[in-house]
PDB file of N, CA and C in Angstrom:
ATOM      1  N   MET A   1     -26.974 -93.519  75.563  1.00  0.00           N
ATOM      2  CA  MET A   1     -26.283 -93.131  75.050  1.00  0.00           C
ATOM      3  C   MET A   1     -25.728 -92.733  73.350  1.00  0.00           C
ATOM      4  N   ALA A   2     -26.498 -93.995  72.480  1.00  0.00           N
ATOM      5  CA  ALA A   2     -26.986 -94.037  71.270  1.00  0.00           C
ATOM      6  C   ALA A   2     -27.378 -93.242  70.655  1.00  0.00           C
ATOM      7  N   TRP A   3     -28.374 -92.348  70.977  1.00  0.00           N
ATOM      8  CA  TRP A   3     -29.051 -91.190  70.286  1.00  0.00           C
ATOM      9  C   TRP A   3     -28.131 -90.422  70.545  1.00  0.00           C
ATOM     10  N   VAL A   4     -27.047 -89.436  71.295  1.00  0.00           N
ATOM     11  CA  VAL A   4     -25.564 -89.086  71.778  1.00  0.00           C
ATOM     12  C   VAL A   4     -25.222 -88.527  70.333  1.00  0.00           C
ATOM     13  N   TYR A   5     -24.638 -90.376  70.320  1.00  0.00           N
ATOM     14  CA  TYR A   5     -23.736 -90.326  69.414  1.00  0.00           C
ATOM     15  C   TYR A   5     -24.462 -90.595  67.856  1.00  0.00           C
ATOM     16  N   LEU A   6     -25.681 -90.638  67.691  1.00  0.00           N
ATOM     17  CA  LEU A   6     -25.878 -90.529  66.244  1.00  0.00           C
ATOM     18  C   LEU A   6     -26.297 -89.015  66.146  1.00  0.00           C
ATOM     19  N   VAL A   7     -26.647 -88.080  67.127  1.00  0.00           N
ATOM     20  CA  VAL A   7     -27.093 -86.787  66.756  1.00  0.00           C
ATOM     21  C   VAL A   7     -25.315 -86.130  66.431  1.00  0.00           C
ATOM     22  N   VAL A   8     -25.381 -86.482  67.349  1.00  0.00           N
ATOM     23  CA  VAL A   8     -23.100 -85.571  67.060  1.00  0.00           C
ATOM     24  C   VAL A   8     -22.800 -86.134  65.677  1.00  0.00           C
ATOM     25  N   SER A   9     -22.614 -88.242  65.501  1.00  0.00           N
ATOM     26  CA  SER A   9     -22.464 -88.239  64.295  1.00  0.00           C
ATOM     27  C   SER A   9     -22.690 -87.456  63.189  1.00  0.00           C
ATOM     28  N   GLY A  10     -24.265 -87.373  63.093  1.00  0.00           N
ATOM     29  CA  GLY A  10     -24.557 -86.521  62.394  1.00  0.00           C
ATOM     30  C   GLY A  10     -24.856 -84.880  61.946  1.00  0.00           C
ATOM     31  N   LEU A  11     -23.870 -84.299  63.325  1.00  0.00           N
ATOM     32  CA  LEU A  11     -23.384 -82.743  63.194  1.00  0.00           C
ATOM     33  C   LEU A  11     -22.601 -83.110  62.396  1.00  0.00           C
ATOM     34  N   LEU A  12     -21.269 -84.561  62.605  1.00  0.00           N
ATOM     35  CA  LEU A  12     -20.141 -84.345  62.486  1.00  0.00           C
ATOM     36  C   LEU A  12     -20.233 -84.388  60.510  1.00  0.00           C
ATOM     37  N   GLU A  13     -21.228 -85.200  60.354  1.00  0.00           N
ATOM     38  CA  GLU A  13     -21.478 -85.564  58.870  1.00  0.00           C
ATOM     39  C   GLU A  13     -21.420 -83.274  58.080  1.00  0.00           C
ATOM     40  N   THR A  14     -22.470 -83.064  58.689  1.00  0.00           N
ATOM     41  CA  THR A  14     -22.481 -81.662  57.931  1.00  0.00           C
ATOM     42  C   THR A  14     -20.780 -80.749  58.353  1.00  0.00           C
ATOM     43  N   VAL A  15     -20.030 -80.949  58.699  1.00  0.00           N
ATOM     44  CA  VAL A  15     -18.586 -81.136  59.464  1.00  0.00           C
ATOM     45  C   VAL A  15     -18.140 -81.148  58.562  1.00  0.00           C
ATOM     46  N   TRP A  16     -17.520 -82.493  57.899  1.00  0.00           N
ATOM     47  CA  TRP A  16     -17.268 -82.871  57.004  1.00  0.00           C
ATOM     48  C   TRP A  16     -17.374 -83.110  55.638  1.00  0.00           C
ATOM     49  N   ALA A  17     -18.913 -82.457  55.799  1.00  0.00           N
ATOM     50  CA  ALA A  17     -19.050 -82.165  54.032  1.00  0.00           C
ATOM     51  C   ALA A  17     -18.679 -80.490  53.881  1.00  0.00           C
ATOM     52  N   ALA A  18     -18.898 -80.420  54.416  1.00  0.00           N
ATOM     53  CA  ALA A  18     -18.862 -78.564  54.342  1.00  0.00           C
ATOM     54  C   ALA A  18     -17.096 -78.433  54.265  1.00  0.00           C
ATOM     55  N   ALA A  19     -16.249 -78.810  55.047  1.00  0.00           N
ATOM     56  CA  ALA A  19     -14.829 -79.837  54.697  1.00  0.00           C
ATOM     57  C   ALA A  19     -14.623 -80.171  53.880  1.00  0.00           C
ATOM     58  N   LEU A  20     -14.722 -80.708  52.686  1.00  0.00           N
ATOM     59  CA  LEU A  20     -14.969 -81.855  51.846  1.00  0.00           C
ATOM     60  C   LEU A  20     -14.660 -80.422  50.363  1.00  0.00           C
ATOM     61  N   SER A  21     -15.956 -79.501  50.760  1.00  0.00           N
ATOM     62  CA  SER A  21     -16.416 -77.954  49.833  1.00  0.00           C
ATOM     63  C   SER A  21     -15.042 -77.212  49.713  1.00  0.00           C
ATOM     64  N   GLN A  22     -14.985 -77.209  51.193  1.00  0.00           N
ATOM     65  CA  GLN A  22     -13.579 -76.379  51.319  1.00  0.00           C
ATOM     66  C   GLN A  22     -12.032 -76.329  50.662  1.00  0.00           C
ATOM     67  N   SER A  23     -11.914 -77.869  51.089  1.00  0.00           N
ATOM     68  CA  SER A  23     -10.846 -78.363  50.571  1.00  0.00           C
ATOM     69  C   SER A  23     -10.737 -77.998  49.172  1.00  0.00           C
ATOM     70  N   ARG A  24     -11.116 -77.812  48.124  1.00  0.00           N
ATOM     71  CA  ARG A  24     -11.001 -77.737  46.889  1.00  0.00           C
ATOM     72  C   ARG A  24     -10.426 -78.837  46.291  1.00  0.00           C
ATOM     73  N   GLY A  25     -10.605 -80.258  46.582  1.00  0.00           N
ATOM     74  CA  GLY A  25     -10.455 -81.459  46.333  1.00  0.00           C
ATOM     75  C   GLY A  25      -9.499 -81.929  46.499  1.00  0.00           C
ATOM     76  N   PHE A  26      -9.475 -81.313  48.400  1.00  0.00           N
ATOM     77  CA  PHE A  26      -8.104 -81.833  49.014  1.00  0.00           C
ATOM     78  C   PHE A  26      -6.542 -80.756  48.158  1.00  0.00           C
ATOM     79  N   SER A  27      -6.814 -79.903  47.786  1.00  0.00           N
ATOM     80  CA  SER A  27      -5.568 -79.023  46.936  1.00  0.00           C
ATOM     81  C   SER A  27      -5.376 -77.856  47.908  1.00  0.00           C
ATOM     82  N   ARG A  28      -6.341 -77.943  49.405  1.00  0.00           N
ATOM     83  CA  ARG A  28      -6.111 -77.573  50.564  1.00  0.00           C
ATOM     84  C   ARG A  28      -5.938 -78.098  51.377  1.00  0.00           C
ATOM     85  N   LEU A  29      -4.747 -77.670  52.547  1.00  0.00           N
ATOM     86  CA  LEU A  29      -4.433 -78.483  53.423  1.00  0.00           C
ATOM     87  C   LEU A  29      -5.604 -78.903  54.793  1.00  0.00           C
ATOM     88  N   GLY A  30      -5.408 -77.382  55.453  1.00  0.00           N
ATOM     89  CA  GLY A  30      -6.649 -77.543  56.668  1.00  0.00           C
ATOM     90  C   GLY A  30      -7.928 -78.528  56.561  1.00  0.00           C
ATOM     91  N   PRO A  31      -8.540 -77.477  55.164  1.00  0.00           N
ATOM     92  CA  PRO A  31      -9.861 -78.271  54.920  1.00  0.00           C
ATOM     93  C   PRO A  31     -10.248 -79.844  55.005  1.00  0.00           C
ATOM     94  N   SER A  32      -8.693 -80.623  54.175  1.00  0.00           N
ATOM     95  CA  SER A  32      -8.518 -81.613  53.857  1.00  0.00           C
ATOM     96  C   SER A  32      -8.739 -82.228  54.877  1.00  0.00           C
ATOM     97  N   VAL A  33      -7.641 -81.913  56.187  1.00  0.00           N
ATOM     98  CA  VAL A  33      -7.544 -82.225  58.070  1.00  0.00           C
ATOM     99  C   VAL A  33      -8.525 -82.686  58.297  1.00  0.00           C
ATOM    100  N   LEU A  34      -9.323 -81.794  58.204  1.00  0.00           N
ATOM    101  CA  LEU A  34     -10.195 -81.470  58.934  1.00  0.00           C
ATOM    102  C   LEU A  34     -11.514 -82.102  57.947  1.00  0.00           C
ATOM    103  N   PHE A  35     -11.829 -82.286  57.087  1.00  0.00           N
ATOM    104  CA  PHE A  35     -12.521 -83.536  56.693  1.00  0.00           C
ATOM    105  C   PHE A  35     -12.043 -84.965  57.340  1.00  0.00           C
ATOM    106  N   GLY A  36     -11.272 -85.418  56.976  1.00  0.00           N
ATOM    107  CA  GLY A  36     -10.955 -86.621  57.266  1.00  0.00           C
ATOM    108  C   GLY A  36     -10.952 -86.999  59.119  1.00  0.00           C
ATOM    109  N   VAL A  37     -11.161 -86.059  59.508  1.00  0.00           N
ATOM    110  CA  VAL A  37     -10.519 -85.966  60.946  1.00  0.00           C
ATOM    111  C   VAL A  37     -12.248 -86.335  61.677  1.00  0.00           C
ATOM    112  N   ALA A  38     -13.053 -85.334  60.966  1.00  0.00           N
ATOM    113  CA  ALA A  38     -14.816 -85.721  60.886  1.00  0.00           C
ATOM    114  C   ALA A  38     -15.187 -86.671  60.629  1.00  0.00           C
ATOM    115  N   LEU A  39     -14.901 -86.932  59.158  1.00  0.00           N
ATOM    116  CA  LEU A  39     -14.922 -88.231  58.656  1.00  0.00           C
ATOM    117  C   LEU A  39     -15.348 -89.192  59.623  1.00  0.00           C
ATOM    118  N   PHE A  40     -13.804 -89.315  59.970  1.00  0.00           N
ATOM    119  CA  PHE A  40     -13.437 -89.948  61.392  1.00  0.00           C
ATOM    120  C   PHE A  40     -14.371 -90.436  61.766  1.00  0.00           C
ATOM    121  N   LEU A  41     -14.685 -89.714  62.737  1.00  0.00           N
ATOM    122  CA  LEU A  41     -15.344 -89.421  64.308  1.00  0.00           C
ATOM    123  C   LEU A  41     -17.092 -89.384  63.873  1.00  0.00           C
ATOM    124  N   SER A  42     -17.117 -89.097  62.592  1.00  0.00           N
ATOM    125  CA  SER A  42     -18.537 -89.141  62.128  1.00  0.00           C
ATOM    126  C   SER A  42     -18.501 -90.689  62.060  1.00  0.00           C
ATOM    127  N   MET A  43     -18.075 -91.679  61.166  1.00  0.00           N
ATOM    128  CA  MET A  43     -18.097 -92.890  61.351  1.00  0.00           C
ATOM    129  C   MET A  43     -17.956 -93.713  62.258  1.00  0.00           C
ATOM    130  N   GLY A  44     -17.230 -93.492  63.241  1.00  0.00           N
ATOM    131  CA  GLY A  44     -17.081 -93.935  65.044  1.00  0.00           C
ATOM    132  C   GLY A  44     -18.070 -93.681  65.782  1.00  0.00           C
ATOM    133  N   GLY A  45     -18.882 -92.568  65.542  1.00  0.00           N
ATOM    134  CA  GLY A  45     -20.542 -92.517  66.157  1.00  0.00           C
ATOM    135  C   GLY A  45     -21.496 -93.094  65.747  1.00  0.00           C
ATOM    136  N   LEU A  46     -21.523 -93.191  64.347  1.00  0.00           N
ATOM    137  CA  LEU A  46     -21.937 -94.276  63.546  1.00  0.00           C
ATOM    138  C   LEU A  46     -21.831 -95.952  64.741  1.00  0.00           C
ATOM    139  N   ALA A  47     -21.191 -96.053  63.861  1.00  0.00           N
ATOM    140  CA  ALA A  47     -20.610 -97.615  64.736  1.00  0.00           C
ATOM    141  C   ALA A  47     -21.044 -97.412  65.800  1.00  0.00           C
ATOM    142  N   LEU A  48     -21.008 -96.588  66.862  1.00  0.00           N
ATOM    143  CA  LEU A  48     -21.064 -96.887  68.423  1.00  0.00           C
ATOM    144  C   LEU A  48     -22.524 -96.839  68.804  1.00  0.00           C
ATOM    145  N   ALA A  49     -23.562 -95.967  67.341  1.00  0.00           N
ATOM    146  CA  ALA A  49     -24.784 -96.174  67.989  1.00  0.00           C
ATOM    147  C   ALA A  49     -24.881 -96.943  67.518  1.00  0.00           C
ATOM    148  N   LEU A  50     -25.129 -97.949  66.303  1.00  0.00           N
ATOM    149  CA  LEU A  50     -25.299 -98.967  65.745  1.00  0.00           C
ATOM    150  C   LEU A  50     -25.661 -99.982  66.869  1.00  0.00           C
ATOM    151  N   ARG A  51     -24.448-100.246  67.575  1.00  0.00           N
ATOM    152  CA  ARG A  51     -24.587-101.273  68.607  1.00  0.00           C
ATOM    153  C   ARG A  51     -25.858-101.237  69.594  1.00  0.00           C
ATOM    154  N   GLU A  52     -26.878-100.232  69.416  1.00  0.00           N
ATOM    155  CA  GLU A  52     -27.902-100.152  70.224  1.00  0.00           C
ATOM    156  C   GLU A  52     -28.893-100.005  69.230  1.00  0.00           C
ATOM    157  N   LEU A  53     -29.184 -99.283  68.065  1.00  0.00           N
ATOM    158  CA  LEU A  53     -30.015 -99.040  67.008  1.00  0.00           C
ATOM    159  C   LEU A  53     -29.967-100.004  65.751  1.00  0.00           C
ATOM    160  N   PRO A  54     -31.147-100.006  65.342  1.00  0.00           N
ATOM    161  CA  PRO A  54     -31.374-100.685  64.713  1.00  0.00           C
ATOM    162  C   PRO A  54     -30.462 -99.762  62.335  1.00  0.00           C
ATOM    163  N   VAL A  55     -29.932-100.792  61.879  1.00  0.00           N
ATOM    164  CA  VAL A  55     -28.438-100.047  61.100  1.00  0.00           C
ATOM    165  C   VAL A  55     -30.558 -99.059  59.920  1.00  0.00           C
ATOM    166  N   GLY A  56     -31.283 -99.302  59.960  1.00  0.00           N
ATOM    167  CA  GLY A  56     -32.578 -98.906  58.811  1.00  0.00           C
ATOM    168  C   GLY A  56     -32.523 -97.474  59.693  1.00  0.00           C
ATOM    169  N   THR A  57     -33.272 -97.275  61.162  1.00  0.00           N
ATOM    170  CA  THR A  57     -33.360 -96.236  61.587  1.00  0.00           C
ATOM    171  C   THR A  57     -31.835 -95.620  61.643  1.00  0.00           C
ATOM    172  N   ALA A  58     -30.625 -96.023  62.176  1.00  0.00           N
ATOM    173  CA  ALA A  58     -29.703 -95.073  62.948  1.00  0.00           C
ATOM    174  C   ALA A  58     -29.132 -94.596  61.099  1.00  0.00           C
ATOM    175  N   TYR A  59     -29.053 -94.862  60.770  1.00  0.00           N
ATOM    176  CA  TYR A  59     -28.488 -94.500  59.095  1.00  0.00           C
ATOM    177  C   TYR A  59     -28.986 -93.561  58.437  1.00  0.00           C
ATOM    178  N   ALA A  60     -31.034 -93.877  58.385  1.00  0.00           N
ATOM    179  CA  ALA A  60     -31.966 -92.774  57.822  1.00  0.00           C
ATOM    180  C   ALA A  60     -31.343 -91.263  58.705  1.00  0.00           C
ATOM    181  N   ILE A  61     -31.365 -91.608  59.780  1.00  0.00           N
ATOM    182  CA  ILE A  61     -31.619 -90.285  60.996  1.00  0.00           C
ATOM    183  C   ILE A  61     -30.429 -89.717  60.476  1.00  0.00           C
ATOM    184  N   TRP A  62     -29.485 -90.283  60.623  1.00  0.00           N
ATOM    185  CA  TRP A  62     -27.309 -89.236  60.273  1.00  0.00           C
ATOM    186  C   TRP A  62     -27.376 -89.339  58.550  1.00  0.00           C
ATOM    187  N   VAL A  63     -28.175 -89.488  58.154  1.00  0.00           N
ATOM    188  CA  VAL A  63     -27.789 -89.055  56.481  1.00  0.00           C
ATOM    189  C   VAL A  63     -29.270 -87.581  56.326  1.00  0.00           C
ATOM    190  N   GLY A  64     -30.087 -87.723  57.252  1.00  0.00           N
ATOM    191  CA  GLY A  64     -31.135 -86.941  57.701  1.00  0.00           C
ATOM    192  C   GLY A  64     -30.298 -85.604  58.170  1.00  0.00           C
ATOM    193  N   ILE A  65     -29.650 -85.837  59.620  1.00  0.00           N
ATOM    194  CA  ILE A  65     -29.019 -84.745  60.076  1.00  0.00           C
ATOM    195  C   ILE A  65     -27.935 -84.260  58.984  1.00  0.00           C
ATOM    196  N   GLY A  66     -26.955 -85.080  58.704  1.00  0.00           N
ATOM    197  CA  GLY A  66     -26.287 -84.285  57.655  1.00  0.00           C
ATOM    198  C   GLY A  66     -26.701 -83.374  56.657  1.00  0.00           C
ATOM    199  N   ALA A  67     -27.892 -84.528  56.107  1.00  0.00           N
ATOM    200  CA  ALA A  67     -27.943 -83.207  54.717  1.00  0.00           C
ATOM    201  C   ALA A  67     -29.202 -81.729  55.278  1.00  0.00           C
ATOM    202  N   VAL A  68     -29.764 -82.009  56.228  1.00  0.00           N
ATOM    203  CA  VAL A  68     -30.111 -80.991  56.920  1.00  0.00           C
ATOM    204  C   VAL A  68     -29.256 -79.871  56.892  1.00  0.00           C
ATOM    205  N   GLY A  69     -28.302 -79.865  58.599  1.00  0.00           N
ATOM    206  CA  GLY A  69     -27.316 -79.354  58.369  1.00  0.00           C
ATOM    207  C   GLY A  69     -26.108 -78.810  56.859  1.00  0.00           C
ATOM    208  N   THR A  70     -25.594 -79.903  56.051  1.00  0.00           N
ATOM    209  CA  THR A  70     -25.469 -79.123  55.329  1.00  0.00           C
ATOM    210  C   THR A  70     -26.352 -78.595  54.166  1.00  0.00           C
ATOM    211  N   ALA A  71     -27.131 -78.260  54.047  1.00  0.00           N
ATOM    212  CA  ALA A  71     -28.415 -77.606  53.261  1.00  0.00           C
ATOM    213  C   ALA A  71     -28.036 -76.194  54.065  1.00  0.00           C
ATOM    214  N   ILE A  72     -28.376 -76.482  55.168  1.00  0.00           N
ATOM    215  CA  ILE A  72     -28.260 -75.000  56.028  1.00  0.00           C
ATOM    216  C   ILE A  72     -27.075 -74.441  55.924  1.00  0.00           C
ATOM    217  N   TYR A  73     -26.310 -74.877  55.672  1.00  0.00           N
ATOM    218  CA  TYR A  73     -24.788 -74.963  55.817  1.00  0.00           C
ATOM    219  C   TYR A  73     -24.533 -74.233  54.930  1.00  0.00           C
ATOM    220  N   GLY A  74     -25.273 -74.637  53.615  1.00  0.00           N
ATOM    221  CA  GLY A  74     -25.034 -74.064  52.472  1.00  0.00           C
ATOM    222  C   GLY A  74     -25.559 -72.582  52.168  1.00  0.00           C
ATOM    223  N   MET A  75     -26.890 -72.470  52.745  1.00  0.00           N
ATOM    224  CA  MET A  75     -27.430 -71.410  52.178  1.00  0.00           C
ATOM    225  C   MET A  75     -26.930 -70.323  53.614  1.00  0.00           C
ATOM    226  N   VAL A  76     -26.415 -70.347  54.352  1.00  0.00           N
ATOM    227  CA  VAL A  76     -26.029 -69.333  55.483  1.00  0.00           C
ATOM    228  C   VAL A  76     -24.829 -68.938  54.922  1.00  0.00           C
ATOM    229  N   ALA A  77     -23.803 -69.985  54.622  1.00  0.00           N
ATOM    230  CA  ALA A  77     -22.164 -69.492  54.730  1.00  0.00           C
ATOM    231  C   ALA A  77     -22.332 -69.311  53.623  1.00  0.00           C
ATOM    232  N   LEU A  78     -22.703 -70.077  52.290  1.00  0.00           N
ATOM    233  CA  LEU A  78     -22.224 -70.331  50.897  1.00  0.00           C
ATOM    234  C   LEU A  78     -23.029 -69.308  50.350  1.00  0.00           C
ATOM    235  N   GLY A  79     -24.410 -68.814  50.346  1.00  0.00           N
ATOM    236  CA  GLY A  79     -25.361 -68.170  49.928  1.00  0.00           C
ATOM    237  C   GLY A  79     -26.053 -68.545  48.796  1.00  0.00           C
ATOM    238  N   GLU A  80     -26.078 -70.000  49.417  1.00  0.00           N
ATOM    239  CA  GLU A  80     -26.849 -70.946  48.624  1.00  0.00           C
ATOM    240  C   GLU A  80     -28.670 -70.687  48.686  1.00  0.00           C
ATOM    241  N   PRO A  81     -29.239 -71.086  47.531  1.00  0.00           N
ATOM    242  CA  PRO A  81     -30.969 -70.193  47.850  1.00  0.00           C
ATOM    243  C   PRO A  81     -31.624 -70.517  48.719  1.00  0.00           C
ATOM    244  N   ALA A  82     -32.247 -70.331  49.622  1.00  0.00           N
ATOM    245  CA  ALA A  82     -33.016 -70.527  50.658  1.00  0.00           C
ATOM    246  C   ALA A  82     -34.216 -70.086  50.040  1.00  0.00           C
ATOM    247  N   THR A  83     -35.170 -71.295  48.951  1.00  0.00           N
ATOM    248  CA  THR A  83     -37.000 -70.409  48.116  1.00  0.00           C
ATOM    249  C   THR A  83     -37.311 -71.878  49.437  1.00  0.00           C
ATOM    250  N   THR A  84     -38.911 -71.015  49.175  1.00  0.00           N
ATOM    251  CA  THR A  84     -39.741 -71.634  50.223  1.00  0.00           C
ATOM    252  C   THR A  84     -39.465 -73.466  50.050  1.00  0.00           C
ATOM    253  N   ALA A  85     -39.987 -73.994  48.804  1.00  0.00           N
ATOM    254  CA  ALA A  85     -39.196 -75.352  48.226  1.00  0.00           C
ATOM    255  C   ALA A  85     -38.331 -75.857  48.827  1.00  0.00           C
ATOM    256  N   ARG A  86     -37.333 -75.074  48.039  1.00  0.00           N
ATOM    257  CA  ARG A  86     -35.754 -75.820  49.802  1.00  0.00           C
ATOM    258  C   ARG A  86     -36.699 -75.827  50.764  1.00  0.00           C
ATOM    259  N   LEU A  87     -36.728 -75.474  51.589  1.00  0.00           N
ATOM    260  CA  LEU A  87     -36.811 -74.624  52.964  1.00  0.00           C
ATOM    261  C   LEU A  87     -38.090 -76.411  53.636  1.00  0.00           C
ATOM    262  N   LEU A  88     -38.847 -76.115  52.798  1.00  0.00           N
ATOM    263  CA  LEU A  88     -40.115 -77.211  52.718  1.00  0.00           C
ATOM    264  C   LEU A  88     -39.358 -78.527  52.300  1.00  0.00           C
ATOM    265  N   CYS A  89     -38.579 -78.813  51.671  1.00  0.00           N
ATOM    266  CA  CYS A  89     -37.920 -80.016  51.662  1.00  0.00           C
ATOM    267  C   CYS A  89     -36.788 -80.426  53.025  1.00  0.00           C
ATOM    268  N   LEU A  90     -36.174 -79.734  53.041  1.00  0.00           N
ATOM    269  CA  LEU A  90     -35.583 -79.437  54.656  1.00  0.00           C
ATOM    270  C   LEU A  90     -36.576 -80.099  55.337  1.00  0.00           C
ATOM    271  N   LEU A  91     -38.000 -79.219  55.571  1.00  0.00           N
ATOM    272  CA  LEU A  91     -39.066 -79.540  56.923  1.00  0.00           C
ATOM    273  C   LEU A  91     -39.335 -80.694  56.640  1.00  0.00           C
ATOM    274  N   ALA A  92     -39.705 -81.016  55.312  1.00  0.00           N
ATOM    275  CA  ALA A  92     -39.976 -83.012  54.955  1.00  0.00           C
ATOM    276  C   ALA A  92     -38.815 -83.684  55.851  1.00  0.00           C
ATOM    277  N   ILE A  93     -37.629 -83.745  55.219  1.00  0.00           N
ATOM    278  CA  ILE A  93     -36.589 -84.446  55.617  1.00  0.00           C
ATOM    279  C   ILE A  93     -36.144 -84.132  58.001  1.00  0.00           C
ATOM    280  N   VAL A  94     -36.478 -83.065  58.367  1.00  0.00           N
ATOM    281  CA  VAL A  94     -36.654 -83.475  59.810  1.00  0.00           C
ATOM    282  C   VAL A  94     -37.836 -84.221  59.944  1.00  0.00           C
ATOM    283  N   ALA A  95     -38.976 -84.300  59.761  1.00  0.00           N
ATOM    284  CA  ALA A  95     -40.382 -84.588  60.257  1.00  0.00           C
ATOM    285  C   ALA A  95     -39.709 -86.186  60.027  1.00  0.00           C
ATOM    286  N   GLY A  96     -39.329 -86.742  59.368  1.00  0.00           N
ATOM    287  CA  GLY A  96     -38.979 -87.803  58.679  1.00  0.00           C
ATOM    288  C   GLY A  96     -37.774 -88.712  59.978  1.00  0.00           C
ATOM    289  N   VAL A  97     -37.044 -87.617  60.680  1.00  0.00           N
ATOM    290  CA  VAL A  97     -36.002 -88.209  61.239  1.00  0.00           C
ATOM    291  C   VAL A  97     -36.832 -87.920  62.620  1.00  0.00           C
ATOM    292  N   VAL A  98     -37.352 -87.142  62.523  1.00  0.00           N
ATOM    293  CA  VAL A  98     -38.257 -87.055  64.361  1.00  0.00           C
ATOM    294  C   VAL A  98     -38.912 -87.973  64.613  1.00  0.00           C
ATOM    295  N   GLY A  99     -40.270 -88.005  63.228  1.00  0.00           N
ATOM    296  CA  GLY A  99     -41.300 -89.676  63.219  1.00  0.00           C
ATOM    297  C   GLY A  99     -40.517 -90.716  63.197  1.00  0.00           C
ATOM    298  N   LEU A 100     -38.766 -91.216  63.200  1.00  0.00           N
ATOM    299  CA  LEU A 100     -37.840 -92.738  62.683  1.00  0.00           C
ATOM    300  C   LEU A 100     -37.807 -91.989  64.263  1.00  0.00           C
ATOM    301  N   LYS A 101     -37.861 -91.532  64.899  1.00  0.00           N
ATOM    302  CA  LYS A 101     -36.566 -91.440  66.448  1.00  0.00           C
ATOM    303  C   LYS A 101     -37.771 -92.068  67.665  1.00  0.00           C
ATOM    304  N   PHE A 102     -39.128 -91.764  66.918  1.00  0.00           N
ATOM    305  CA  PHE A 102     -40.377 -91.779  67.814  1.00  0.00           C
ATOM    306  C   PHE A 102     -40.807 -93.065  67.338  1.00  0.00           C
ATOM    307  N   LEU A 103     -40.294 -93.408  67.030  1.00  0.00           N
ATOM    308  CA  LEU A 103     -41.212 -94.974  66.561  1.00  0.00           C
ATOM    309  C   LEU A 103     -40.451 -95.590  66.686  1.00  0.00           C
ATOM    310  N   HIS A 104     -39.652 -95.735  66.644  1.00  0.00           N
ATOM    311  CA  HIS A 104     -38.409 -96.760  67.279  1.00  0.00           C
ATOM    312  C   HIS A 104     -38.665 -96.899  69.035  1.00  0.00           C
TER     313      HIS A 104
END
């Protein structure tokens, strides 16, 4: 169950990062509230995962999922560039996350 908590928490990291961007410096209520809720749930899920997983592995995977998810959101929803170099770097992060999972 720890891995489920970790993956969901990583996805929620993408949600809070996107909401933070959309809050325009906390000047918009809806995205600001979504940010707070997603942040709370993301940290809570990470805390639950840390009951069974080593902190180094769990944190790196959590950050990796959030970073890749947020970068993909930026490219798909916000029109950020999806260059070959950028995609290769994201692929390297995914490979690291998968590697950490299999080495655990």
